Structures are given as C-alpha cells and as structure tokens.
Amino acid sequence: MEQHAIPQQISSYEFKLVGDMTLKQFLKAAVGIVLAVAINATNLIFFLKYPLMLIFGGGGLMMAFVPFQDRPLETWVIAFLRSIYSPTIYTYKKMPDKDWISLMNSKSVGRDKTLDEAEEVSVPVKDSNKVREFIESLPTVKMSEAVIDEPIEEDERTLIGKIGMGGNTNKLPERESDVPVKTEEPPKENWRDKKAELGLKADKVEATAKVVFGEIPMPDKPDIPNMMVGMVTNSEEKIVDGAIVEVQDSKGNPSRVLKTNSLGQFRTTTPLSNGKYLIITEKEKLEFDRVEVELVGKIVEPVKIKAIV
C-alpha cells in the first residue's frame, strides 16, 4: 500500500541539510555542542564543568530535535520567560485630559464670537415721517348714509295705527320648542335569556309498557346516581346493536339520544336530573314498547328493552 506524503510547512521555506534536519535545527545543536566544548577547555573543577557541559550540550540537542506537544522547546522557554517578567496585576488610573485648557479657551472664544455677532446685528428702525406719508398716500373712502324714504302702504298704516291705539293684535302661533323629547325605547331582549329552540320537541307520548330491570346478563351497575344504562334485545332475547335510544323528559323534550354498541348496551355519560323520563327505542324492522323511568337521586338498575316484533 502506498503511503500518503507527510504534510509539510508551506508558508515558509526551510532549507534541509541531511534528511529532515533543517538548517535551524543544525544551528541549535551546533551552538549547544560548541558551548559544551568551550566549557570543557576551561580550567573549572569537574563538579561544575561536566554538569554545565551536559546542560548546554543536551539543551541544544533537545531544542533542535525534541518537540513538546508539537512545538519546539524554544517556544516553551520563550513563553515561560514572558509569563514571568510580564505584569499580572493592572491598576486603572484616570488620566486628566491634556488639552483641557485649550478646550476651555476654545469654548469661551466661541461664546464671545456669538455674542459679538449678536451685537453686530442691526435692527432697522422705522422712520415715523415715512410711515405718516405712507398713510396719507392711501385713498380715503367717504361713508355716506343714504336714507331712502319708501312710501308706506295703506295696509301697513292701518296696522301701525292699531298697534298705537292698543287695538286687538293678532297673536303669533307659539313656536314649538326645539327641546328633544326623550322617547323610551323598549328594553332589548338579552339573547342569553332565550333558550335555544332546536326543533327537537316532538309530540308528547305515553308509555306503553312497564320498565323491566335486568333479567339477562346486563351491563355493570353504575356507581353514580341518576346514570342510566341498559340493553336492547329483540323478541328472541338476542342483542340489538345500532339501535337509537331517545330519553325524553316529562315535557316531551329529548334529554339524551344514545346508540347501542356491538353488545346492545347503551349508557349516559352524565347523570340526569330528578324526574320522570320516557325511553323510546327505534330500530329498522323492529318495534319496541315505550317505558317510563323515574329518577330520584339514587342508583338506577340497568334497564332492559325488549322488542315486540
């Protein structure tokens, strides 16, 4: 299998001497070895000479060929020295504006300029002589009162004479007052007080048979008073599904309209109020008696409705 080429630095060119060793690495190693040789040539005692030779020679080789976390040791040493000598605590000190004197002077100079300009504005003064000449030059209009003597007719003279003599005068019809008369509007009927008439009320009918309470396996007995449950069967005691069961109150209004399930059972979801109720059952090709049930706030036994034909 052919191996992929190793990614190399492309932002800057590095000259390589032998294999992958660059010129920079060679210089680092060479500096460390030269310093170690120079220390060896000195007359230091061996307790200082050999440790220094090891430090400089080994340090140069490590900086050249031993990286740490993909970075050369040179980078770590420089970062360490910067972190030591760089300040770690900073204090904020508000410095005054250096040009505050010039700013104040510029503001005062600008204010003086505006005052000088305001003083230099000359307000034109009206000359009284020119105004008088202008008024006199306007055309004058003479107001003359024209009195027209119209002849008074005889009818008017007789009417004036009657008024002067205190005779009978015709009374003018009294003007009808313009004061609006408030008319009481009939009170509006509130639609909330009206009961919705859905047209479901039918002719009141009477019961044709007495109610029968469970003689065959009936649905469970309800736990809530005035809850009505029951079962519908045909004349052969077989269950009838899909039958319509209508529950009417004493006034003939339908209170509940139920439908039997696949087991021939029906059940009201909410309790009914106290009173007498008529149960009317309808199913195609079947006839049922109308039975009456009276609810008094107690648990009602399951009702059995059997077809006549």
C-alpha atoms as a PDB file:
ATOM      1  CA  MET A   1       0.000   0.000   0.000  1.00  0.00           C
ATOM      2  CA  GLU A   2       1.378   3.390  -0.965  1.00  0.00           C
ATOM      3  CA  GLN A   3       1.683   5.833   1.909  1.00  0.00           C
ATOM      4  CA  HIS A   4       0.487   9.400   1.723  1.00  0.00           C
ATOM      5  CA  ALA A   5       3.014  12.187   1.794  1.00  0.00           C
ATOM      6  CA  ILE A   6       3.558  13.781   5.194  1.00  0.00           C
ATOM      7  CA  PRO A   7       2.116  17.337   5.362  1.00  0.00           C
ATOM      8  CA  GLN A   8       4.885  19.905   5.381  1.00  0.00           C
ATOM      9  CA  GLN A   9       5.195  23.601   6.107  1.00  0.00           C
ATOM     10  CA  ILE A  10       4.326  25.592   3.006  1.00  0.00           C
ATOM     11  CA  SER A  11       4.066  29.123   4.423  1.00  0.00           C
ATOM     12  CA  SER A  12       7.857  29.462   4.759  1.00  0.00           C
ATOM     13  CA  TYR A  13      10.674  27.578   3.095  1.00  0.00           C
ATOM     14  CA  GLU A  14      13.126  25.696   5.344  1.00  0.00           C
ATOM     15  CA  PHE A  15      16.382  24.510   3.861  1.00  0.00           C
ATOM     16  CA  LYS A  16      17.178  20.905   4.821  1.00  0.00           C
ATOM     17  CA  LEU A  17      20.760  19.744   5.169  1.00  0.00           C
ATOM     18  CA  VAL A  18      20.542  15.994   5.834  1.00  0.00           C
ATOM     19  CA  GLY A  19      17.238  14.132   5.602  1.00  0.00           C
ATOM     20  CA  ASP A  20      14.588  16.011   7.592  1.00  0.00           C
ATOM     21  CA  MET A  21      17.084  18.118   9.588  1.00  0.00           C
ATOM     22  CA  THR A  22      16.702  21.775   8.772  1.00  0.00           C
ATOM     23  CA  LEU A  23      19.332  24.461   8.939  1.00  0.00           C
ATOM     24  CA  LYS A  24      17.711  25.932  12.063  1.00  0.00           C
ATOM     25  CA  GLN A  25      17.910  22.620  13.895  1.00  0.00           C
ATOM     26  CA  PHE A  26      21.548  22.216  12.885  1.00  0.00           C
ATOM     27  CA  LEU A  27      22.433  25.659  14.250  1.00  0.00           C
ATOM     28  CA  LYS A  28      20.714  24.933  17.591  1.00  0.00           C
ATOM     29  CA  ALA A  29      22.589  21.657  18.025  1.00  0.00           C
ATOM     30  CA  ALA A  30      25.880  23.224  16.882  1.00  0.00           C
ATOM     31  CA  VAL A  31      25.595  26.114  19.357  1.00  0.00           C
ATOM     32  CA  GLY A  32      24.968  23.718  22.238  1.00  0.00           C
ATOM     33  CA  ILE A  33      27.924  21.474  21.294  1.00  0.00           C
ATOM     34  CA  VAL A  34      30.292  24.435  20.782  1.00  0.00           C
ATOM     35  CA  LEU A  35      29.383  25.812  24.228  1.00  0.00           C
ATOM     36  CA  ALA A  36      29.968  22.382  25.782  1.00  0.00           C
ATOM     37  CA  VAL A  37      33.413  22.123  24.104  1.00  0.00           C
ATOM     38  CA  ALA A  38      34.274  25.654  25.248  1.00  0.00           C
ATOM     39  CA  ILE A  39      33.388  24.783  28.846  1.00  0.00           C
ATOM     40  CA  ASN A  40      35.496  21.621  28.578  1.00  0.00           C
ATOM     41  CA  ALA A  41      38.513  23.725  27.557  1.00  0.00           C
ATOM     42  CA  THR A  42      38.296  25.815  30.709  1.00  0.00           C
ATOM     43  CA  ASN A  43      40.066  25.025  33.982  1.00  0.00           C
ATOM     44  CA  LEU A  44      36.876  24.614  36.032  1.00  0.00           C
ATOM     45  CA  ILE A  45      36.662  21.825  38.527  1.00  0.00           C
ATOM     46  CA  PHE A  46      34.839  18.718  37.322  1.00  0.00           C
ATOM     47  CA  PHE A  47      31.889  19.330  39.724  1.00  0.00           C
ATOM     48  CA  LEU A  48      30.962  22.394  37.647  1.00  0.00           C
ATOM     49  CA  LYS A  49      32.472  21.532  34.277  1.00  0.00           C
ATOM     50  CA  TYR A  50      30.596  18.337  33.457  1.00  0.00           C
ATOM     51  CA  PRO A  51      27.134  19.489  34.624  1.00  0.00           C
ATOM     52  CA  LEU A  52      27.480  22.682  32.561  1.00  0.00           C
ATOM     53  CA  MET A  53      28.647  20.690  29.543  1.00  0.00           C
ATOM     54  CA  LEU A  54      25.631  18.389  29.956  1.00  0.00           C
ATOM     55  CA  ILE A  55      23.222  21.295  30.304  1.00  0.00           C
ATOM     56  CA  PHE A  56      24.434  23.256  27.273  1.00  0.00           C
ATOM     57  CA  GLY A  57      25.128  20.290  25.008  1.00  0.00           C
ATOM     58  CA  GLY A  58      21.960  18.395  25.924  1.00  0.00           C
ATOM     59  CA  GLY A  59      19.883  21.576  25.889  1.00  0.00           C
ATOM     60  CA  GLY A  60      20.986  22.413  22.370  1.00  0.00           C
ATOM     61  CA  LEU A  61      20.185  18.917  21.103  1.00  0.00           C
ATOM     62  CA  MET A  62      16.775  18.889  22.849  1.00  0.00           C
ATOM     63  CA  MET A  63      15.813  22.282  21.440  1.00  0.00           C
ATOM     64  CA  ALA A  64      16.794  21.088  17.994  1.00  0.00           C
ATOM     65  CA  PHE A  65      15.256  17.609  17.869  1.00  0.00           C
ATOM     66  CA  VAL A  66      12.842  17.094  20.847  1.00  0.00           C
ATOM     67  CA  PRO A  67       9.441  18.871  20.452  1.00  0.00           C
ATOM     68  CA  PHE A  68       6.793  19.018  23.216  1.00  0.00           C
ATOM     69  CA  GLN A  69       3.097  18.946  22.200  1.00  0.00           C
ATOM     70  CA  ASP A  70       4.057  19.537  18.558  1.00  0.00           C
ATOM     71  CA  ARG A  71       6.022  22.654  19.469  1.00  0.00           C
ATOM     72  CA  PRO A  72       9.810  23.085  19.853  1.00  0.00           C
ATOM     73  CA  LEU A  73      11.225  23.619  23.323  1.00  0.00           C
ATOM     74  CA  GLU A  74      12.388  27.060  22.259  1.00  0.00           C
ATOM     75  CA  THR A  75       8.770  28.220  22.052  1.00  0.00           C
ATOM     76  CA  TRP A  76       8.017  26.913  25.560  1.00  0.00           C
ATOM     77  CA  VAL A  77      11.108  28.584  27.045  1.00  0.00           C
ATOM     78  CA  ILE A  78      10.254  31.959  25.482  1.00  0.00           C
ATOM     79  CA  ALA A  79       6.623  31.707  26.685  1.00  0.00           C
ATOM     80  CA  PHE A  80       7.825  30.822  30.194  1.00  0.00           C
ATOM     81  CA  LEU A  81      10.134  33.831  30.375  1.00  0.00           C
ATOM     82  CA  ARG A  82       7.413  36.161  29.075  1.00  0.00           C
ATOM     83  CA  SER A  83       4.913  34.919  31.667  1.00  0.00           C
ATOM     84  CA  ILE A  84       7.442  35.535  34.465  1.00  0.00           C
ATOM     85  CA  TYR A  85       8.504  39.041  33.518  1.00  0.00           C
ATOM     86  CA  SER A  86       5.169  40.326  32.195  1.00  0.00           C
ATOM     87  CA  PRO A  87       2.923  42.119  34.753  1.00  0.00           C
ATOM     88  CA  THR A  88      -0.055  40.182  36.093  1.00  0.00           C
ATOM     89  CA  ILE A  89      -1.837  42.951  38.038  1.00  0.00           C
ATOM     90  CA  TYR A  90      -3.124  46.068  36.314  1.00  0.00           C
ATOM     91  CA  THR A  91      -4.416  49.192  38.070  1.00  0.00           C
ATOM     92  CA  TYR A  92      -6.698  51.698  36.426  1.00  0.00           C
ATOM     93  CA  LYS A  93      -5.826  55.341  36.887  1.00  0.00           C
ATOM     94  CA  LYS A  94      -7.897  58.011  35.263  1.00  0.00           C
ATOM     95  CA  MET A  95      -5.702  60.466  33.430  1.00  0.00           C
ATOM     96  CA  PRO A  96      -6.830  64.070  33.053  1.00  0.00           C
ATOM     97  CA  ASP A  97      -7.355  65.491  29.622  1.00  0.00           C
ATOM     98  CA  LYS A  98      -4.102  67.077  28.499  1.00  0.00           C
ATOM     99  CA  ASP A  99      -5.820  69.721  26.387  1.00  0.00           C
ATOM    100  CA  TRP A 100      -8.456  70.810  28.888  1.00  0.00           C
ATOM    101  CA  ILE A 101      -7.109  74.369  28.949  1.00  0.00           C
ATOM    102  CA  SER A 102      -7.303  74.658  25.178  1.00  0.00           C
ATOM    103  CA  LEU A 103     -10.800  73.184  25.228  1.00  0.00           C
ATOM    104  CA  MET A 104     -11.984  75.759  27.769  1.00  0.00           C
ATOM    105  CA  ASN A 105     -10.365  78.551  25.796  1.00  0.00           C
ATOM    106  CA  SER A 106     -11.986  77.386  22.565  1.00  0.00           C
ATOM    107  CA  LYS A 107     -15.409  77.277  24.260  1.00  0.00           C
ATOM    108  CA  SER A 108     -15.007  80.780  25.682  1.00  0.00           C
ATOM    109  CA  VAL A 109     -13.783  82.115  22.330  1.00  0.00           C
ATOM    110  CA  GLY A 110     -16.758  80.588  20.532  1.00  0.00           C
ATOM    111  CA  ARG A 111     -19.158  82.076  23.093  1.00  0.00           C
ATOM    112  CA  ASP A 112     -17.598  85.530  22.670  1.00  0.00           C
ATOM    113  CA  LYS A 113     -17.901  85.272  18.890  1.00  0.00           C
ATOM    114  CA  THR A 114     -21.605  84.504  19.091  1.00  0.00           C
ATOM    115  CA  LEU A 115     -22.161  87.465  21.435  1.00  0.00           C
ATOM    116  CA  ASP A 116     -20.241  89.775  19.117  1.00  0.00           C
ATOM    117  CA  GLU A 117     -22.245  88.616  16.125  1.00  0.00           C
ATOM    118  CA  ALA A 118     -25.469  89.184  18.038  1.00  0.00           C
ATOM    119  CA  GLU A 119     -24.396  92.708  18.912  1.00  0.00           C
ATOM    120  CA  GLU A 120     -23.402  93.471  15.339  1.00  0.00           C
ATOM    121  CA  VAL A 121     -26.863  92.638  14.025  1.00  0.00           C
ATOM    122  CA  SER A 122     -28.580  95.975  13.449  1.00  0.00           C
ATOM    123  CA  VAL A 123     -32.323  96.192  13.856  1.00  0.00           C
ATOM    124  CA  PRO A 124     -33.908  98.500  11.286  1.00  0.00           C
ATOM    125  CA  VAL A 125     -35.714 101.429  12.955  1.00  0.00           C
ATOM    126  CA  LYS A 126     -38.884 102.657  11.338  1.00  0.00           C
ATOM    127  CA  ASP A 127     -38.997 106.334  10.487  1.00  0.00           C
ATOM    128  CA  SER A 128     -42.203 107.962  11.755  1.00  0.00           C
ATOM    129  CA  ASN A 129     -42.269 110.507   8.904  1.00  0.00           C
ATOM    130  CA  LYS A 130     -42.177 107.810   6.248  1.00  0.00           C
ATOM    131  CA  VAL A 131     -44.956 105.933   7.957  1.00  0.00           C
ATOM    132  CA  ARG A 132     -47.113 109.053   8.087  1.00  0.00           C
ATOM    133  CA  GLU A 133     -46.509 109.770   4.401  1.00  0.00           C
ATOM    134  CA  PHE A 134     -47.473 106.234   3.516  1.00  0.00           C
ATOM    135  CA  ILE A 135     -50.730 106.502   5.469  1.00  0.00           C
ATOM    136  CA  GLU A 136     -51.630 109.828   3.858  1.00  0.00           C
ATOM    137  CA  SER A 137     -50.977 108.416   0.405  1.00  0.00           C
ATOM    138  CA  LEU A 138     -53.696 105.814   0.889  1.00  0.00           C
ATOM    139  CA  PRO A 139     -57.049 106.697  -0.799  1.00  0.00           C
ATOM    140  CA  THR A 140     -59.788 107.852   1.563  1.00  0.00           C
ATOM    141  CA  VAL A 141     -63.315 106.483   1.402  1.00  0.00           C
ATOM    142  CA  LYS A 142     -66.200 108.732   2.413  1.00  0.00           C
ATOM    143  CA  MET A 143     -69.003 106.965   4.231  1.00  0.00           C
ATOM    144  CA  SER A 144     -72.385 108.479   3.368  1.00  0.00           C
ATOM    145  CA  GLU A 145     -75.603 107.337   4.880  1.00  0.00           C
ATOM    146  CA  ALA A 146     -78.293 107.020   2.260  1.00  0.00           C
ATOM    147  CA  VAL A 147     -81.798 107.263   3.653  1.00  0.00           C
ATOM    148  CA  ILE A 148     -84.477 106.058   1.306  1.00  0.00           C
ATOM    149  CA  ASP A 149     -87.996 107.145   2.066  1.00  0.00           C
ATOM    150  CA  GLU A 150     -90.282 104.411   0.882  1.00  0.00           C
ATOM    151  CA  PRO A 151     -93.981 105.096   0.677  1.00  0.00           C
ATOM    152  CA  ILE A 152     -95.981 103.379   3.340  1.00  0.00           C
ATOM    153  CA  GLU A 153     -98.874 101.420   2.024  1.00  0.00           C
ATOM    154  CA  GLU A 154    -102.342 101.813   3.465  1.00  0.00           C
ATOM    155  CA  ASP A 155    -102.435  98.327   4.961  1.00  0.00           C
ATOM    156  CA  GLU A 156     -99.245  98.989   6.867  1.00  0.00           C
ATOM    157  CA  ARG A 157    -100.584 102.327   8.096  1.00  0.00           C
ATOM    158  CA  THR A 158    -103.752 100.763   9.425  1.00  0.00           C
ATOM    159  CA  LEU A 159    -101.703  98.073  11.169  1.00  0.00           C
ATOM    160  CA  ILE A 160     -99.450 100.695  12.751  1.00  0.00           C
ATOM    161  CA  GLY A 161    -102.490 102.654  13.864  1.00  0.00           C
ATOM    162  CA  LYS A 162    -103.969  99.633  15.552  1.00  0.00           C
ATOM    163  CA  ILE A 163    -100.716  98.956  17.371  1.00  0.00           C
ATOM    164  CA  GLY A 164    -100.528 102.583  18.519  1.00  0.00           C
ATOM    165  CA  MET A 165    -104.166 102.629  19.680  1.00  0.00           C
ATOM    166  CA  GLY A 166    -103.761  99.440  21.633  1.00  0.00           C
ATOM    167  CA  GLY A 167    -106.209  97.569  19.472  1.00  0.00           C
ATOM    168  CA  ASN A 168    -106.507  93.872  19.150  1.00  0.00           C
ATOM    169  CA  THR A 169    -103.413  92.352  17.703  1.00  0.00           C
ATOM    170  CA  ASN A 170    -103.127  89.003  16.109  1.00  0.00           C
ATOM    171  CA  LYS A 171    -101.187  86.640  18.282  1.00  0.00           C
ATOM    172  CA  LEU A 172     -98.487  84.719  16.547  1.00  0.00           C
ATOM    173  CA  PRO A 173     -98.648  80.982  16.927  1.00  0.00           C
ATOM    174  CA  GLU A 174     -96.360  79.743  19.588  1.00  0.00           C
ATOM    175  CA  ARG A 175     -93.243  78.188  18.228  1.00  0.00           C
ATOM    176  CA  GLU A 176     -92.781  74.629  19.078  1.00  0.00           C
ATOM    177  CA  SER A 177     -89.902  74.073  21.401  1.00  0.00           C
ATOM    178  CA  ASP A 178     -86.852  72.551  19.872  1.00  0.00           C
ATOM    179  CA  VAL A 179     -86.074  70.650  23.042  1.00  0.00           C
ATOM    180  CA  PRO A 180     -85.745  66.995  22.060  1.00  0.00           C
ATOM    181  CA  VAL A 181     -88.174  64.716  23.764  1.00  0.00           C
ATOM    182  CA  LYS A 182     -86.663  61.515  25.038  1.00  0.00           C
ATOM    183  CA  THR A 183     -88.614  58.531  23.903  1.00  0.00           C
ATOM    184  CA  GLU A 184     -88.277  55.416  25.951  1.00  0.00           C
ATOM    185  CA  GLU A 185     -87.084  52.574  23.797  1.00  0.00           C
ATOM    186  CA  PRO A 186     -88.417  49.149  24.549  1.00  0.00           C
ATOM    187  CA  PRO A 187     -85.895  47.113  26.525  1.00  0.00           C
ATOM    188  CA  LYS A 188     -83.758  44.915  24.362  1.00  0.00           C
ATOM    189  CA  GLU A 189     -84.130  41.264  24.912  1.00  0.00           C
ATOM    190  CA  ASN A 190     -80.953  39.550  26.002  1.00  0.00           C
ATOM    191  CA  TRP A 191     -80.144  36.636  23.735  1.00  0.00           C
ATOM    192  CA  ARG A 192     -78.600  34.835  26.720  1.00  0.00           C
ATOM    193  CA  ASP A 193     -82.017  34.611  28.386  1.00  0.00           C
ATOM    194  CA  LYS A 194     -83.528  32.910  25.367  1.00  0.00           C
ATOM    195  CA  LYS A 195     -83.493  29.170  25.267  1.00  0.00           C
ATOM    196  CA  ALA A 196     -82.333  27.681  22.030  1.00  0.00           C
ATOM    197  CA  GLU A 197     -85.158  26.032  20.146  1.00  0.00           C
ATOM    198  CA  LEU A 198     -83.640  23.255  18.090  1.00  0.00           C
ATOM    199  CA  GLY A 199     -86.914  21.908  16.807  1.00  0.00           C
ATOM    200  CA  LEU A 200     -86.336  18.578  18.532  1.00  0.00           C
ATOM    201  CA  LYS A 201     -89.538  18.695  20.537  1.00  0.00           C
ATOM    202  CA  ALA A 202     -91.964  16.108  19.348  1.00  0.00           C
ATOM    203  CA  ASP A 203     -95.495  15.230  20.335  1.00  0.00           C
ATOM    204  CA  LYS A 204     -95.671  14.039  23.878  1.00  0.00           C
ATOM    205  CA  VAL A 205     -96.323  10.318  24.009  1.00  0.00           C
ATOM    206  CA  GLU A 206     -97.166   7.987  26.832  1.00  0.00           C
ATOM    207  CA  ALA A 207     -95.521   4.788  27.993  1.00  0.00           C
ATOM    208  CA  THR A 208     -96.897   1.559  26.537  1.00  0.00           C
ATOM    209  CA  ALA A 209     -95.280  -0.892  28.963  1.00  0.00           C
ATOM    210  CA  LYS A 210     -93.651  -1.098  32.346  1.00  0.00           C
ATOM    211  CA  VAL A 211     -89.931  -0.845  32.673  1.00  0.00           C
ATOM    212  CA  VAL A 212     -88.070  -4.108  33.205  1.00  0.00           C
ATOM    213  CA  PHE A 213     -84.800  -4.216  35.136  1.00  0.00           C
ATOM    214  CA  GLY A 214     -82.130  -6.781  34.187  1.00  0.00           C
ATOM    215  CA  GLU A 215     -83.358 -10.338  33.752  1.00  0.00           C
ATOM    216  CA  ILE A 216     -80.494 -11.248  31.381  1.00  0.00           C
ATOM    217  CA  PRO A 217     -76.732 -10.505  31.623  1.00  0.00           C
ATOM    218  CA  MET A 218     -76.796  -6.727  31.800  1.00  0.00           C
ATOM    219  CA  PRO A 219     -74.017  -4.125  31.813  1.00  0.00           C
ATOM    220  CA  ASP A 220     -72.362  -3.190  35.069  1.00  0.00           C
ATOM    221  CA  LYS A 221     -74.406  -1.287  37.589  1.00  0.00           C
ATOM    222  CA  PRO A 222     -73.464   2.414  37.625  1.00  0.00           C
ATOM    223  CA  ASP A 223     -71.791   3.940  40.684  1.00  0.00           C
ATOM    224  CA  ILE A 224     -73.252   7.433  40.201  1.00  0.00           C
ATOM    225  CA  PRO A 225     -76.913   8.284  40.923  1.00  0.00           C
ATOM    226  CA  ASN A 226     -79.233   9.096  38.003  1.00  0.00           C
ATOM    227  CA  MET A 227     -76.891   7.424  35.498  1.00  0.00           C
ATOM    228  CA  MET A 228     -78.926   5.379  33.038  1.00  0.00           C
ATOM    229  CA  VAL A 229     -77.592   2.147  31.485  1.00  0.00           C
ATOM    230  CA  GLY A 230     -79.377  -0.665  29.730  1.00  0.00           C
ATOM    231  CA  MET A 231     -79.545  -3.261  26.980  1.00  0.00           C
ATOM    232  CA  VAL A 232     -81.727  -3.654  23.888  1.00  0.00           C
ATOM    233  CA  THR A 233     -82.800  -7.121  22.665  1.00  0.00           C
ATOM    234  CA  ASN A 234     -85.184  -8.464  20.085  1.00  0.00           C
ATOM    235  CA  SER A 235     -88.124 -10.754  20.746  1.00  0.00           C
ATOM    236  CA  GLU A 236     -85.802 -13.775  20.773  1.00  0.00           C
ATOM    237  CA  GLU A 237     -83.596 -12.315  23.541  1.00  0.00           C
ATOM    238  CA  LYS A 238     -80.752 -11.557  21.100  1.00  0.00           C
ATOM    239  CA  ILE A 239     -78.790  -8.337  21.392  1.00  0.00           C
ATOM    240  CA  VAL A 240     -79.575  -5.488  19.003  1.00  0.00           C
ATOM    241  CA  ASP A 241     -76.690  -3.215  18.043  1.00  0.00           C
ATOM    242  CA  GLY A 242     -77.074   0.209  16.406  1.00  0.00           C
ATOM    243  CA  ALA A 243     -80.483   0.895  17.958  1.00  0.00           C
ATOM    244  CA  ILE A 244     -81.368   4.528  18.670  1.00  0.00           C
ATOM    245  CA  VAL A 245     -82.428   5.142  22.278  1.00  0.00           C
ATOM    246  CA  GLU A 246     -84.052   8.526  22.969  1.00  0.00           C
ATOM    247  CA  VAL A 247     -84.622   9.704  26.539  1.00  0.00           C
ATOM    248  CA  GLN A 248     -87.369  12.352  26.866  1.00  0.00           C
ATOM    249  CA  ASP A 249     -88.241  14.382  29.934  1.00  0.00           C
ATOM    250  CA  SER A 250     -91.725  14.886  31.323  1.00  0.00           C
ATOM    251  CA  LYS A 251     -92.388  17.728  28.832  1.00  0.00           C
ATOM    252  CA  GLY A 252     -91.520  15.628  25.809  1.00  0.00           C
ATOM    253  CA  ASN A 253     -88.148  17.268  25.180  1.00  0.00           C
ATOM    254  CA  PRO A 254     -85.279  14.920  24.254  1.00  0.00           C
ATOM    255  CA  SER A 255     -82.663  14.932  27.037  1.00  0.00           C
ATOM    256  CA  ARG A 256     -80.361  12.230  25.669  1.00  0.00           C
ATOM    257  CA  VAL A 257     -80.039  10.425  22.333  1.00  0.00           C
ATOM    258  CA  LEU A 258     -77.981   7.238  22.606  1.00  0.00           C
ATOM    259  CA  LYS A 259     -76.948   4.395  20.317  1.00  0.00           C
ATOM    260  CA  THR A 260     -76.344   0.815  21.369  1.00  0.00           C
ATOM    261  CA  ASN A 261     -72.901  -0.708  20.863  1.00  0.00           C
ATOM    262  CA  SER A 262     -71.988  -4.122  19.445  1.00  0.00           C
ATOM    263  CA  LEU A 263     -73.162  -5.717  22.724  1.00  0.00           C
ATOM    264  CA  GLY A 264     -76.539  -3.984  22.525  1.00  0.00           C
ATOM    265  CA  GLN A 265     -75.746  -1.778  25.516  1.00  0.00           C
ATOM    266  CA  PHE A 266     -76.255   1.959  25.990  1.00  0.00           C
ATOM    267  CA  ARG A 267     -75.089   4.319  28.736  1.00  0.00           C
ATOM    268  CA  THR A 268     -75.419   8.023  29.551  1.00  0.00           C
ATOM    269  CA  THR A 269     -72.135   9.818  30.095  1.00  0.00           C
ATOM    270  CA  THR A 270     -73.549  12.348  32.583  1.00  0.00           C
ATOM    271  CA  PRO A 271     -76.239  11.933  35.252  1.00  0.00           C
ATOM    272  CA  LEU A 272     -79.759  13.153  34.592  1.00  0.00           C
ATOM    273  CA  SER A 273     -81.773  15.419  36.859  1.00  0.00           C
ATOM    274  CA  ASN A 274     -84.557  14.066  39.040  1.00  0.00           C
ATOM    275  CA  GLY A 275     -87.884  13.435  37.375  1.00  0.00           C
ATOM    276  CA  LYS A 276     -89.755  11.089  35.074  1.00  0.00           C
ATOM    277  CA  TYR A 277     -88.218  10.099  31.735  1.00  0.00           C
ATOM    278  CA  LEU A 278     -89.645   8.239  28.771  1.00  0.00           C
ATOM    279  CA  ILE A 279     -87.368   5.842  26.865  1.00  0.00           C
ATOM    280  CA  ILE A 280     -88.166   5.485  23.140  1.00  0.00           C
ATOM    281  CA  THR A 281     -86.235   2.902  21.114  1.00  0.00           C
ATOM    282  CA  GLU A 282     -86.068   2.720  17.310  1.00  0.00           C
ATOM    283  CA  LYS A 283     -84.536   0.114  15.001  1.00  0.00           C
ATOM    284  CA  GLU A 284     -85.336  -0.925  11.448  1.00  0.00           C
ATOM    285  CA  LYS A 285     -87.770  -3.838  11.180  1.00  0.00           C
ATOM    286  CA  LEU A 286     -88.247  -3.849  14.955  1.00  0.00           C
ATOM    287  CA  GLU A 287     -90.834  -2.305  17.259  1.00  0.00           C
ATOM    288  CA  PHE A 288     -90.307  -1.531  20.940  1.00  0.00           C
ATOM    289  CA  ASP A 289     -92.533  -0.515  23.824  1.00  0.00           C
ATOM    290  CA  ARG A 290     -92.064   2.922  25.344  1.00  0.00           C
ATOM    291  CA  VAL A 291     -91.106   2.608  29.004  1.00  0.00           C
ATOM    292  CA  GLU A 292     -91.030   5.233  31.742  1.00  0.00           C
ATOM    293  CA  VAL A 293     -88.320   5.573  34.404  1.00  0.00           C
ATOM    294  CA  GLU A 294     -88.445   7.834  37.457  1.00  0.00           C
ATOM    295  CA  LEU A 295     -85.146   9.166  38.821  1.00  0.00           C
ATOM    296  CA  VAL A 296     -84.986  10.230  42.469  1.00  0.00           C
ATOM    297  CA  GLY A 297     -81.261  10.739  43.003  1.00  0.00           C
ATOM    298  CA  LYS A 298     -80.392   7.084  43.611  1.00  0.00           C
ATOM    299  CA  ILE A 299     -78.512   4.356  41.776  1.00  0.00           C
ATOM    300  CA  VAL A 300     -80.629   3.114  38.849  1.00  0.00           C
ATOM    301  CA  GLU A 301     -80.630  -0.560  37.936  1.00  0.00           C
ATOM    302  CA  PRO A 302     -79.808  -1.470  34.301  1.00  0.00           C
ATOM    303  CA  VAL A 303     -82.875  -1.210  32.054  1.00  0.00           C
ATOM    304  CA  LYS A 304     -83.919  -3.982  29.698  1.00  0.00           C
ATOM    305  CA  ILE A 305     -85.733  -3.015  26.480  1.00  0.00           C
ATOM    306  CA  LYS A 306     -87.212  -5.900  24.501  1.00  0.00           C
ATOM    307  CA  ALA A 307     -88.682  -5.704  21.015  1.00  0.00           C
ATOM    308  CA  ILE A 308     -92.359  -6.586  20.460  1.00  0.00           C
ATOM    309  CA  VAL A 309     -91.949  -7.859  16.910  1.00  0.00           C
END
